[in-house]
Protein backbone atom coordinates (compact mmCIF):
# COMPACT_ATOMS: atom_id res chain seq x y z
CA MET A 1 0.00 0.00 0.00
CA SER A 2 1.44 3.33 -0.99
CA ASN A 3 2.29 5.88 1.71
CA PRO A 4 -0.29 8.70 1.46
CA PHE A 5 2.25 11.09 3.01
CA SER A 6 5.07 10.38 0.55
CA LEU A 7 6.10 13.17 -1.84
CA THR A 8 7.38 12.95 -5.36
CA ARG A 9 10.75 14.69 -5.85
CA PRO A 10 9.31 17.68 -7.78
CA ARG A 11 6.66 18.29 -5.08
CA ALA A 12 9.27 17.93 -2.32
CA VAL A 13 11.53 20.49 -3.99
CA VAL A 14 8.65 22.93 -4.45
CA LEU A 15 7.51 22.57 -0.83
CA MET A 16 11.05 22.87 0.52
CA THR A 17 11.59 26.03 -1.52
CA THR A 18 8.31 27.44 -0.24
CA LEU A 19 9.23 26.54 3.34
CA LEU A 20 12.62 28.23 3.06
CA THR A 21 10.98 31.33 1.60
CA ILE A 22 8.49 31.46 4.46
CA MET A 23 11.28 30.97 7.04
CA ALA A 24 13.34 33.74 5.44
CA ALA A 25 10.34 36.08 5.51
CA VAL A 26 9.61 35.21 9.13
CA ALA A 27 13.22 35.76 10.17
CA GLN A 28 13.33 39.24 8.66
CA ALA A 29 12.81 42.02 11.19
CA GLU A 30 9.77 44.23 10.78
CA GLN A 31 10.23 47.98 10.45
CA SER A 32 10.27 49.78 13.81
CA HIS A 33 9.47 53.49 14.28
CA THR A 34 10.22 55.74 17.26
CA LEU A 35 7.30 57.94 18.24
CA LEU A 36 8.52 59.21 21.62
CA ALA A 37 12.07 59.17 23.01
CA ASN A 38 12.66 60.50 26.52
CA GLY A 39 15.79 58.69 27.68
CA PRO A 40 17.71 55.42 27.90
CA SER A 41 15.61 52.27 27.94
CA GLU A 42 17.31 51.02 31.09
CA ASN A 43 15.57 53.81 33.03
CA ARG A 44 12.42 54.41 31.01
CA ILE A 45 9.18 52.53 30.38
CA ASP A 46 9.18 51.38 26.78
CA ILE A 47 5.81 51.01 25.07
CA VAL A 48 5.74 49.09 21.80
CA LEU A 49 2.62 48.89 19.64
CA LEU A 50 2.02 46.19 17.06
CA GLY A 51 -0.76 45.96 14.54
CA ASP A 52 -2.72 42.92 13.42
CA GLY A 53 -5.01 42.68 10.41
CA TYR A 54 -3.26 45.55 8.61
CA THR A 55 -2.21 44.74 5.05
CA ALA A 56 0.83 46.34 3.43
CA THR A 57 -1.34 49.07 1.92
CA GLN A 58 -2.90 49.84 5.32
CA LEU A 59 0.33 50.61 7.23
CA GLY A 60 -0.35 54.34 6.90
CA ALA A 61 -3.70 53.81 8.62
CA PHE A 62 -1.92 51.79 11.31
CA ALA A 63 0.49 54.69 11.96
CA ASP A 64 -2.48 57.07 12.27
CA ASP A 65 -4.26 54.69 14.66
CA VAL A 66 -1.11 54.43 16.77
CA LYS A 67 -0.70 58.18 17.03
CA ALA A 68 -4.35 58.64 17.98
CA VAL A 69 -4.17 56.00 20.71
CA VAL A 70 -0.84 57.21 22.08
CA GLY A 71 -2.05 60.80 22.10
CA ARG A 72 -5.11 59.74 24.08
CA ILE A 73 -3.02 57.69 26.54
CA PHE A 74 -0.83 60.67 27.40
CA ALA A 75 -3.85 62.96 27.73
CA GLU A 76 -4.97 60.83 30.70
CA ASN A 77 -3.43 60.95 34.17
CA PRO A 78 -1.20 59.60 35.51
CA PHE A 79 0.33 59.05 32.02
CA GLN A 80 0.07 62.75 31.23
CA THR A 81 2.10 63.72 34.29
CA TYR A 82 4.66 60.97 33.76
CA ARG A 83 4.98 61.23 29.98
CA PRO A 84 8.77 61.95 30.33
CA TYR A 85 9.14 58.47 31.86
CA PHE A 86 8.11 56.77 28.61
CA ASN A 87 9.55 55.86 25.23
CA VAL A 88 7.14 54.76 22.49
CA ARG A 89 7.80 52.69 19.36
CA TYR A 90 5.51 51.00 16.89
CA VAL A 91 6.26 48.12 14.57
CA ASP A 92 4.85 47.55 11.08
CA VAL A 93 3.40 44.03 11.11
CA VAL A 94 1.98 43.13 7.70
CA SER A 95 -0.96 40.71 7.50
CA PRO A 96 -2.07 38.96 4.32
CA GLN A 97 -5.67 39.96 5.02
CA SER A 98 -7.44 42.72 6.88
CA GLY A 99 -9.50 42.40 10.07
CA ALA A 100 -9.76 39.62 12.67
CA ASP A 101 -11.48 36.26 13.11
CA HIS A 102 -15.12 36.16 14.26
CA PRO A 103 -15.65 32.47 15.03
CA GLU A 104 -19.20 33.09 16.25
CA ARG A 105 -20.10 34.22 12.72
CA GLY A 106 -17.87 31.78 10.87
CA VAL A 107 -15.62 34.61 9.63
CA PHE A 108 -11.92 33.77 9.45
CA VAL A 109 -9.13 35.86 7.97
CA ASP A 110 -5.38 35.34 7.60
CA THR A 111 -3.56 37.76 9.92
CA ALA A 112 -0.01 37.89 11.20
CA LEU A 113 -0.87 37.59 14.90
CA ARG A 114 -4.02 35.42 14.56
CA SER A 115 -6.34 37.82 16.45
CA PHE A 116 -9.89 36.60 17.11
CA TYR A 117 -13.03 37.70 18.95
CA ASN A 118 -15.17 35.56 21.26
CA CYS A 119 -12.10 34.41 23.18
CA ALA A 120 -13.14 32.19 26.11
CA GLU A 121 -16.67 32.49 24.67
CA ILE A 122 -16.84 36.18 25.59
CA GLN A 123 -17.75 38.05 22.43
CA ARG A 124 -15.91 41.32 23.20
CA LEU A 125 -12.77 39.49 24.36
CA ILE A 126 -10.08 39.64 21.64
CA CYS A 127 -7.13 37.28 21.93
CA VAL A 128 -3.96 37.03 19.84
CA ASP A 129 -1.28 34.39 19.46
CA GLU A 130 1.21 35.62 22.06
CA GLY A 131 3.91 33.34 20.65
CA LEU A 132 3.70 35.19 17.33
CA VAL A 133 3.76 38.51 19.20
CA ASP A 134 6.94 37.41 21.00
CA ASP A 135 8.50 36.44 17.66
CA VAL A 136 7.88 39.92 16.27
CA LEU A 137 9.26 41.58 19.40
CA LEU A 138 12.33 39.37 19.32
CA ARG A 139 13.06 40.37 15.74
CA SER A 140 12.18 44.03 15.83
CA VAL A 141 12.94 45.65 19.21
CA GLY A 142 15.55 45.21 21.91
CA PRO A 143 14.90 43.11 25.03
CA ASP A 144 14.69 46.28 27.16
CA GLN A 145 12.25 48.03 24.79
CA ARG A 146 9.05 46.08 25.52
CA ASP A 147 7.89 46.96 29.02
CA MET A 148 4.34 47.58 27.81
CA VAL A 149 3.06 45.81 24.70
CA ILE A 150 -0.13 46.94 22.94
CA VAL A 151 -1.69 45.20 19.94
CA LEU A 152 -4.13 47.19 17.79
CA VAL A 153 -6.48 44.95 15.82
CA ASN A 154 -7.75 46.41 12.56
CA ASP A 155 -11.43 45.66 13.21
CA GLN A 156 -14.18 48.18 13.96
CA GLU A 157 -16.16 45.98 16.34
CA TYR A 158 -15.77 46.83 20.03
CA GLY A 159 -13.38 44.52 21.90
CA GLY A 160 -10.07 44.01 23.62
CA SER A 161 -8.25 42.14 26.39
CA GLY A 162 -5.58 42.53 29.04
CA GLY A 163 -2.97 40.26 30.58
CA SER A 164 0.69 40.07 29.72
CA LEU A 165 -0.15 42.49 26.88
CA ALA A 166 -3.03 44.81 26.00
CA VAL A 167 -5.20 44.18 22.94
CA SER A 168 -7.79 46.56 21.45
CA SER A 169 -9.82 46.86 18.29
CA VAL A 170 -9.96 50.16 16.40
CA HIS A 171 -13.50 50.83 17.58
CA SER A 172 -14.26 54.51 18.19
CA GLU A 173 -13.49 53.94 21.87
CA SER A 174 -10.25 52.06 21.14
CA ALA A 175 -8.13 54.49 23.17
CA GLU A 176 -10.38 53.98 26.18
CA ILE A 177 -10.17 50.23 25.65
CA VAL A 178 -6.36 50.44 25.53
CA LEU A 179 -6.22 52.47 28.73
CA HIS A 180 -8.53 50.01 30.50
CA GLU A 181 -6.50 47.03 29.27
CA VAL A 182 -3.22 48.74 30.20
CA GLY A 183 -4.72 49.02 33.67
CA HIS A 184 -4.73 45.22 33.65
CA SER A 185 -1.50 44.41 31.81
CA PHE A 186 0.70 47.16 33.25
CA GLY A 187 -1.12 48.28 36.39
CA LEU A 188 -2.06 44.76 37.52
CA LEU A 189 -5.52 46.11 38.33
CA ALA A 190 -8.71 44.10 38.54
CA ASP A 191 -11.98 44.83 36.78
CA GLU A 192 -14.30 46.68 39.13
CA TYR A 193 -17.61 45.55 37.65
CA ALA A 194 -19.85 42.60 38.42
CA GLY A 195 -20.60 39.85 35.91
CA GLY A 196 -19.46 39.87 32.32
CA GLY A 197 -16.28 37.87 32.94
CA PRO A 198 -14.86 34.89 34.78
CA SER A 199 -16.72 33.52 37.77
CA CYS A 200 -16.82 35.39 41.08
CA GLU A 201 -14.27 34.28 43.68
CA ASN A 202 -14.78 36.11 46.95
CA GLU A 203 -13.59 33.59 49.52
CA TYR A 204 -10.01 34.85 49.64
CA GLU A 205 -8.44 38.31 49.59
CA PRO A 206 -7.50 39.05 45.95
CA LEU A 207 -3.99 40.09 44.97
CA GLU A 208 -5.06 43.14 42.97
CA PRO A 209 -4.72 46.46 44.87
CA ASN A 210 -8.15 47.81 43.82
CA VAL A 211 -10.47 45.08 45.11
CA THR A 212 -10.94 43.58 48.57
CA ILE A 213 -13.22 41.36 50.63
CA MET A 214 -12.28 43.23 53.82
CA THR A 215 -14.91 45.44 55.46
CA SER A 216 -12.92 46.54 58.53
CA ARG A 217 -11.59 50.05 57.84
CA SER A 218 -8.10 49.29 59.16
CA LYS A 219 -7.72 46.27 56.86
CA ILE A 220 -8.80 47.94 53.63
CA LYS A 221 -5.87 48.25 51.23
CA TRP A 222 -6.70 51.84 50.35
CA ALA A 223 -7.62 52.94 53.89
CA ARG A 224 -5.40 56.04 53.64
CA TRP A 225 -7.65 57.37 50.90
CA ILE A 226 -10.90 57.03 52.85
CA ASP A 227 -11.89 60.11 54.82
CA ALA A 228 -12.74 59.51 58.47
CA GLU A 229 -16.32 60.70 57.94
CA THR A 230 -16.89 58.33 55.00
CA ALA A 231 -18.88 55.25 55.99
CA VAL A 232 -17.68 51.77 55.08
CA PRO A 233 -19.27 50.10 53.24
CA THR A 234 -20.03 53.23 51.23
CA TRP A 235 -23.34 53.97 49.53
CA THR A 236 -22.78 57.39 47.94
CA PHE A 237 -22.96 57.87 44.16
CA GLU A 238 -20.11 60.36 43.78
CA PRO A 239 -17.85 58.74 41.15
CA ASP A 240 -14.54 59.92 42.67
CA GLN A 241 -15.18 59.59 46.42
CA PRO A 242 -12.87 56.87 47.87
CA GLY A 243 -14.68 54.42 50.07
CA LEU A 244 -15.75 50.78 50.07
CA TYR A 245 -18.26 50.07 47.31
CA GLN A 246 -20.05 46.78 46.78
CA GLN A 247 -19.30 44.87 43.54
CA GLY A 248 -15.95 44.19 41.89
CA LYS A 249 -13.96 41.55 40.06
CA TYR A 250 -17.13 40.00 38.57
CA CYS A 251 -18.84 39.62 42.01
CA GLU A 252 -22.22 41.14 42.80
CA THR A 253 -21.64 40.79 46.55
CA GLY A 254 -18.77 39.98 48.89
CA MET A 255 -16.24 41.96 46.82
CA TYR A 256 -15.58 45.71 47.08
CA ARG A 257 -14.03 48.38 44.88
CA PRO A 258 -12.50 51.75 45.97
CA THR A 259 -14.69 54.26 44.07
CA TYR A 260 -18.18 54.29 42.67
CA GLU A 261 -16.88 54.75 39.12
CA SER A 262 -13.47 54.41 37.47
CA LYS A 263 -11.97 53.40 34.17
CA MET A 264 -11.60 49.86 35.50
CA ARG A 265 -15.40 49.76 35.84
CA THR A 266 -16.73 52.02 33.08
CA LEU A 267 -14.93 53.47 30.07
CA GLY A 268 -14.84 57.24 29.84
CA TYR A 269 -14.14 57.80 33.54
CA PRO A 270 -10.71 58.62 35.05
CA PHE A 271 -8.72 55.86 36.71
CA GLN A 272 -9.48 57.58 40.05
CA GLN A 273 -7.22 57.81 43.09
CA ILE A 274 -6.46 54.22 44.07
CA ASN A 275 -5.88 53.01 40.51
CA THR A 276 -3.78 56.08 39.70
CA GLU A 277 -1.65 55.45 42.78
CA GLN A 278 -1.06 51.86 41.64
CA LEU A 279 -0.12 52.95 38.11
CA VAL A 280 2.39 55.50 39.46
CA LYS A 281 3.97 52.90 41.72
CA ARG A 282 4.18 50.50 38.79
CA MET A 283 5.98 53.21 36.84
CA TYR A 284 8.50 53.51 39.63
CA ASN A 285 9.00 49.75 39.57
CA LEU A 286 10.66 50.33 36.19
CA VAL A 287 12.03 53.87 36.50
CA THR A 288 14.31 54.95 39.34
CA PRO A 289 14.09 58.60 40.37
CA ILE A 290 17.81 59.20 39.73
CA ASP A 291 18.91 59.24 36.10
CA GLU A 292 22.57 60.04 36.82
CA ALA A 293 24.77 60.59 39.87
CA LEU A 294 28.17 62.28 39.69
CA PRO A 295 30.94 61.50 40.42
CA ASN A 296 30.41 58.05 38.91
CA ALA A 297 32.76 56.38 41.40
CA ALA A 298 31.33 55.17 44.70
CA ARG A 299 34.49 56.30 46.53
CA VAL A 300 35.93 59.78 46.10
CA ALA A 301 39.40 60.54 47.49
CA VAL A 302 40.51 64.11 48.16
CA VAL A 303 43.19 65.91 50.13
CA GLN A 304 41.95 67.99 53.01
CA GLY A 305 41.26 71.51 51.76
CA GLU A 306 40.11 70.53 48.28
CA ARG A 307 36.58 71.37 47.18
CA VAL A 308 34.46 68.55 45.77
CA GLN A 309 31.01 68.57 44.18
CA PHE A 310 28.34 65.88 44.08
CA SER A 311 25.24 66.06 41.89
CA VAL A 312 22.20 64.07 40.82
CA ARG A 313 20.01 64.37 37.76
CA ALA A 314 16.46 63.31 38.57
CA VAL A 315 13.84 62.05 36.15
CA ARG A 316 11.47 64.99 35.96
CA PRO A 317 7.69 64.52 35.62
CA ALA A 318 5.83 66.90 33.31
CA ASP A 319 4.37 69.13 36.02
CA HIS A 320 6.58 69.02 39.11
CA GLU A 321 10.15 68.58 40.31
CA LEU A 322 11.36 65.72 42.46
CA ARG A 323 12.62 66.62 45.92
CA VAL A 324 16.36 66.19 46.55
CA LEU A 325 17.67 65.99 50.13
CA TRP A 326 21.38 65.82 50.97
CA THR A 327 23.06 64.48 54.08
CA LEU A 328 26.67 64.57 55.19
CA ASP A 329 27.42 61.89 57.77
CA GLY A 330 23.70 61.62 58.48
CA GLN A 331 23.18 65.36 58.98
CA ARG A 332 21.16 67.52 56.59
CA ALA A 333 23.31 69.49 54.17
CA PRO A 334 22.18 72.42 51.98
CA GLY A 335 21.86 71.58 48.31
CA ALA A 336 19.41 71.09 45.48
CA ALA A 337 20.55 69.26 42.34
CA ALA A 338 24.16 69.57 43.53
CA LEU A 339 26.12 69.70 46.79
CA GLY A 340 29.50 71.39 47.03
CA ILE A 341 31.74 70.53 49.98
CA ASP A 342 34.83 72.38 51.16
CA THR A 343 36.79 69.57 52.80
CA LEU A 344 38.89 71.97 54.86
CA SER A 345 36.15 71.78 57.49
CA LEU A 346 36.10 67.96 57.46
CA SER A 347 38.26 65.67 59.52
CA THR A 348 40.53 63.21 57.80
CA GLY A 349 39.04 59.79 57.19
CA GLU A 350 35.80 58.53 55.63
CA HIS A 351 32.59 60.54 55.30
CA GLN A 352 29.22 59.52 53.84
CA ILE A 353 27.45 61.76 51.33
CA THR A 354 23.87 60.78 50.46
CA ALA A 355 21.40 62.27 48.00
CA THR A 356 17.80 61.10 48.44
CA VAL A 357 15.45 61.86 45.56
CA THR A 358 11.71 61.52 46.24
CA ASP A 359 8.59 62.10 44.20
CA THR A 360 6.18 63.89 46.52
CA THR A 361 3.23 63.60 44.11
CA THR A 362 -0.25 63.78 45.57
CA PHE A 363 -1.13 60.78 43.42
CA VAL A 364 0.43 58.46 46.01
CA ARG A 365 -0.38 58.19 49.71
CA ASN A 366 0.64 54.61 50.38
CA ASP A 367 4.18 53.61 49.41
CA PRO A 368 5.42 51.04 51.95
CA ALA A 369 8.17 49.81 49.61
CA HIS A 370 9.38 53.42 49.03
CA VAL A 371 9.51 52.95 45.27
CA LEU A 372 9.01 56.70 44.79
CA SER A 373 12.30 57.37 46.57
CA GLU A 374 15.92 56.52 45.77
CA ALA A 375 19.09 57.21 47.72
CA HIS A 376 22.58 57.39 46.25
CA THR A 377 25.55 57.32 48.62
CA TRP A 378 29.20 58.18 48.06
CA THR A 379 32.10 57.49 50.42
CA LEU A 380 34.32 60.56 50.68
CA GLN A 381 37.89 59.76 51.75
CA VAL A 382 39.60 62.86 53.13
CA ALA A 383 43.34 62.62 53.67
CA GLY A 384 45.81 65.02 55.20
CA ARG A 385 48.71 66.18 53.08
CA THR A 386 51.12 63.57 54.41
CA PRO A 387 53.70 62.82 51.70
CA PRO A 388 54.68 59.27 50.81
CA LEU A 389 57.82 57.69 52.26
CA VAL A 390 60.36 56.76 49.55
CA ARG A 391 64.05 55.74 49.75
CA VAL A 392 66.53 54.96 46.97
CA LEU A 393 68.21 51.60 47.60
CA SER A 394 70.55 51.33 44.61
CA PRO A 395 72.60 52.85 43.20
CA ASN A 396 72.84 54.77 46.46
CA GLY A 397 76.43 56.01 46.33
CA GLY A 398 79.96 54.62 45.97
CA GLU A 399 79.15 52.16 43.18
CA ALA A 400 81.22 51.93 39.99
CA LEU A 401 78.76 50.74 37.37
CA PRO A 402 80.04 48.98 34.24
CA PHE A 403 79.38 50.92 31.05
CA GLY A 404 77.12 49.13 28.58
CA VAL A 405 75.62 46.76 31.16
CA PRO A 406 71.97 47.50 32.20
CA THR A 407 71.66 48.51 35.86
CA THR A 408 68.64 47.93 38.09
CA ILE A 409 67.44 50.99 39.99
CA THR A 410 65.62 49.92 43.17
CA TRP A 411 63.74 51.75 45.91
CA GLU A 412 61.29 51.21 48.74
CA ALA A 413 58.17 53.27 49.41
CA SER A 414 54.96 53.37 51.46
CA ASP A 415 51.92 55.61 51.87
CA ALA A 416 48.82 55.36 54.07
CA ASP A 417 46.50 56.43 51.24
CA GLY A 418 48.03 54.24 48.55
CA LEU A 419 50.74 54.90 45.98
CA GLN A 420 49.74 55.88 42.47
CA ARG A 421 52.97 56.17 40.46
CA PHE A 422 56.80 56.52 40.51
CA GLY A 423 59.36 58.31 38.38
CA ALA A 424 63.17 57.96 38.31
CA ALA A 425 65.61 60.65 37.15
CA VAL A 426 69.44 60.94 36.98
CA SER A 427 71.89 63.79 37.51
CA VAL A 428 75.41 63.66 35.98
CA GLY A 429 78.15 65.85 37.39
CA GLY A 430 75.75 68.07 39.27
CA SER A 431 73.55 68.79 36.23
CA PRO A 432 69.73 69.05 36.61
CA PHE A 433 67.92 65.75 37.02
CA ALA A 434 66.61 64.28 33.76
CA ALA A 435 64.01 61.52 33.47
CA VAL A 436 65.41 58.03 32.99
CA PRO A 437 63.96 56.58 29.75
CA GLY A 438 61.49 53.81 30.58
CA CYS A 439 61.44 54.79 34.27
CA ALA A 440 59.60 58.11 34.14
CA ALA A 441 56.01 56.87 34.71
CA LEU A 442 55.75 53.60 36.63
CA PRO A 443 52.71 52.14 38.45
CA GLY A 444 52.44 52.47 42.21
CA SER A 445 53.06 48.74 42.68
CA GLN A 446 56.52 48.81 41.06
CA ARG A 447 59.76 49.08 43.04
CA SER A 448 62.47 48.81 40.36
CA CYS A 449 63.32 49.61 36.75
CA MET A 450 66.17 49.02 34.32
CA TRP A 451 68.61 51.77 33.30
CA SER A 452 71.62 51.92 30.96
CA ALA A 453 74.16 54.29 32.47
CA PRO A 454 75.79 56.99 30.31
CA GLY A 455 79.44 56.59 29.45
CA PRO A 456 81.77 55.10 28.71
CA VAL A 457 83.07 57.16 31.65
CA ALA A 458 80.86 59.27 33.95
CA THR A 459 81.36 60.47 37.48
CA ASP A 460 79.36 62.25 40.18
CA LEU A 461 76.06 60.57 39.29
CA ARG A 462 72.98 60.52 41.54
CA ILE A 463 69.55 58.87 41.17
CA ARG A 464 66.31 60.52 42.30
CA VAL A 465 63.07 58.56 42.75
CA THR A 466 59.76 60.46 43.09
CA ALA A 467 56.63 58.82 44.56
CA VAL A 468 53.07 60.18 44.07
CA ASP A 469 50.16 58.86 46.16
CA VAL A 470 46.51 58.52 45.15
CA LEU A 471 45.78 62.01 46.46
CA GLY A 472 48.44 63.56 44.24
CA VAL A 473 50.87 64.28 47.12
CA SER A 474 54.48 63.59 46.12
CA ALA A 475 57.88 63.05 47.77
CA SER A 476 61.37 62.29 46.45
CA ASP A 477 64.62 60.71 47.60
CA VAL A 478 68.11 61.03 46.09
CA SER A 479 71.10 58.67 46.28
CA ASP A 480 72.99 59.24 49.55
CA ASN A 481 76.26 59.74 47.65
CA VAL A 482 77.58 59.91 44.12
CA PHE A 483 78.48 56.89 42.01
CA SER A 484 80.33 56.48 38.73
CA VAL A 485 80.39 54.59 35.46
CA ARG A 486 83.53 52.79 34.29
CA PRO A 487 84.12 51.12 30.96
CA ALA A 488 83.76 47.39 30.89
CA GLU A 489 86.88 45.30 30.19
CA LEU A 490 87.07 45.09 26.38
CA PRO A 491 88.97 42.37 24.46
CA THR A 492 91.59 44.84 23.11
CA ALA A 493 92.46 46.09 26.59
CA SER A 494 92.69 42.49 27.82
CA ALA A 495 95.02 41.60 24.95
CA ILE A 496 97.37 44.55 25.65
CA LYS A 497 97.47 43.62 29.35
CA ALA A 498 98.30 40.03 28.39
CA LEU A 499 101.29 41.28 26.30
CA LEU A 500 102.48 43.30 29.29
CA ARG A 501 102.32 40.27 31.59
CA GLU A 502 104.20 38.08 29.13
CA LEU A 503 106.89 40.76 28.61
CA ARG A 504 107.48 41.03 32.35
CA GLU A 505 107.82 37.27 32.71
CA PHE A 506 110.89 37.27 30.35
CA ASN A 507 112.66 39.88 32.53
CA PRO A 508 114.69 41.54 29.68
CA PRO A 509 117.40 44.12 30.44
CA THR A 510 116.06 47.03 32.43
CA GLY A 511 116.43 49.71 29.77
CA LEU A 512 114.86 47.58 27.06
CA ARG A 513 112.05 46.41 29.38
CA HIS A 514 111.16 49.98 30.35
CA SER A 515 111.05 51.04 26.71
CA LEU A 516 108.78 48.13 25.71
CA GLU A 517 106.56 48.49 28.81
CA ASN A 518 106.16 52.19 28.11
CA GLN A 519 104.98 51.46 24.56
CA LEU A 520 102.40 48.91 25.70
CA THR A 521 101.27 51.05 28.64
CA ALA A 522 100.84 54.05 26.31
CA ALA A 523 98.86 51.86 23.90
CA LEU A 524 96.53 50.75 26.73
CA SER A 525 96.04 54.32 27.93
CA ALA A 526 95.28 55.52 24.41
CA PHE A 527 92.73 52.72 23.94
CA GLU A 528 90.93 53.56 27.19
CA ARG A 529 90.71 57.17 25.97
CA ALA A 530 89.18 55.80 22.76
CA ASN A 531 92.12 57.16 20.74
CA ALA A 532 92.45 54.47 18.09
CA ALA A 533 95.22 56.24 16.10
CA ALA A 534 97.47 56.60 19.15
CA THR A 535 96.79 52.99 20.14
CA CYS A 536 97.80 51.77 16.69
CA GLY A 537 100.89 53.99 16.73
CA LYS A 538 102.17 52.60 20.03
CA LEU A 539 101.49 48.98 18.99
CA ARG A 540 103.26 49.63 15.71
CA ALA A 541 106.30 51.02 17.58
CA PHE A 542 106.27 47.92 19.81
CA THR A 543 106.32 45.52 16.82
CA HIS A 544 109.13 47.50 15.16
CA HIS A 545 111.13 47.30 18.38
CA MET A 546 110.53 43.59 18.64
CA ALA A 547 111.73 43.16 15.05
CA SER A 548 115.01 44.98 15.78
CA ALA A 549 118.22 43.14 16.61
CA ALA A 550 117.83 43.90 20.31
CA GLY A 551 114.29 42.71 20.32
CA ARG A 552 115.02 39.48 18.51
CA ARG A 553 117.46 38.52 21.28
CA LEU A 554 114.55 38.37 23.77
CA VAL A 555 113.09 35.04 24.69
CA ARG A 556 109.85 34.45 22.69
CA SER A 557 110.31 37.73 20.86
CA GLN A 558 108.47 36.30 17.87
CA ARG A 559 105.45 35.49 20.01
CA LEU A 560 105.28 39.04 21.37
CA HIS A 561 105.75 40.43 17.86
CA ASP A 562 103.03 38.21 16.41
CA GLY A 563 100.62 38.96 19.25
CA ALA A 564 100.95 42.72 18.78
CA SER A 565 100.65 42.36 14.99
CA ALA A 566 97.47 40.28 15.31
CA LEU A 567 95.98 42.90 17.64
CA MET A 568 96.75 45.62 15.10
CA VAL A 569 94.99 43.60 12.41
CA THR A 570 91.95 43.19 14.72
CA MET A 571 91.84 46.94 15.32
CA GLY A 572 92.29 47.70 11.60
CA CYS A 573 95.54 49.58 12.12
CA SER A 574 97.40 50.58 8.93
CA VAL A 575 100.85 49.03 8.25
CA GLU A 576 102.50 52.43 7.74
CA SER A 577 105.49 53.29 9.88
CA GLU A 578 105.00 55.41 13.00
CA GLN A 579 105.47 59.09 12.32
């Protein structure tokens, strides 16, 4: 029996090509647009809006819908006041067909995010495929640019949903739907109406901050908002009077809401006090009051007498400033955005500087977690002007350093505040100190460096080592006494000395010995003075003398003659007679 799932080669190739094309299209990032930019995403709330059921030719309409909804969001408090806390982007998501599914009517369309009405058998409830939403976000915006996700569905019928994201149709009240659903998805608020949703559960205290089963005034979550003269439960009909109103979270009885009306109960009303407070606190869950604190370092080191400034830049709401309070070692200090300190009045040691930034908005009365406040603390290290201790160890005087052989300069040093850097310098013959190449800027952990002494002959040298601590205070030490540089024993000098030793071993007649010794000694002296011509001249005179009749009578005269001649060849001396 043939396999009904088998594919002929041509069909397999066609399907594979189609699959690869689809995968390539899916992997391509959608176009993202910035509508509002107020600061870095790490300290802002990033809203991203996606569209579903918009075809390629309807992206202009999507942009218009986005701008209308966003404009309406920021016309409503608390979003209006805290607009500077938000960034807004929207992403062009292209659907093959326009609209959304209506399963109850048998209407199905092909859209990018698979939006559909009658979710959970509630006609106005619109759901989308959140996996497809996540795929778009992953491709098109950064991981820190999706704090609040809103999907606009290109369908005119009233509907929407909340949860991990907010969904709304483009019904005439779409902006109100979005705000209500944002109350769920961002504010973590409950619906405040009875019926029309999931079943009522009023046996346990709900997690949402805007509904309760408690009837004792002291146990009501929003007790701070209820005036003492307001009865609980509350039976007034004023829409914005905080109290304890029957009905909420789909329950007719046994569940209470904070105001008679609010956007979480009926569209077109404000969020009201308790819901607004929750939304503001949620904003501060994502935005800290301090945007920047300077200096950036947690520890600041100064020398007593220096002036130092600390500052904070607060995130500013649209209609009021945040309060900044400064303390120095726990005591109030005068300052607004900045605090300047003259450390001359401070004792040496550590001091604590703290800036506390607080939003004193009237929108919030209950903030037990203090999310509307942030403190930034610096440790100020004040040091007296005590210079470092530094001592040159070598060369420290009396040394005769070989010319051409690298010398190690060494020292010891200490400082209570920490050493930052060292520098070594040399003085020759009483001249001003000059930096030693390679030793002029060394880290505070180093205690030696290599130096090639000048030469070939130098006298009256001294080394100076300078230490600088982390506060910029410096101290120096100089070699206790002078030292010198001598030339190293070179092969030519060794060879001349060897000729002298051999001549003295033969013990020739005194007059002849003195004459020959004088020639070799003069040759050695000329070589040490780097006078090559004089050296060659004296060696040439010595070989001539050894070739004379008197010289040939000496024992091993030929050996002395040949040794001097070979040395002349090594030095490149000419064979001309001495002038």
